[in-house]
């Protein structure tokens, strides 16, 4: 099975599952796996054992007026069924 971890991951899904199942104090678990207590608490408070996306969900970009017009025209061209313009692109 291929596991996709980000570059700085200090734990694997198997270790994360063991952290979640453990009833030992956080400091003992942290010492065992060579991680911080904060990491132990983070994984204990999560429902799953997979990394979350690190991709921004909202682009931090400001468009010039001509760029905004171009985007609105593209949206109207490619999505004619969409009558309302997105609020972030409204002039």
Foldseek 3Di string as FASTA:
>chain_A
DDADDDPPDLDGQVLLVVLLPDPDQLVVSCVVSVHDSVVSVVSNPDPGSHDDDPDDPDDPDDDDVVVLVVVQVVCCVVPVVDDDDPPVSDD
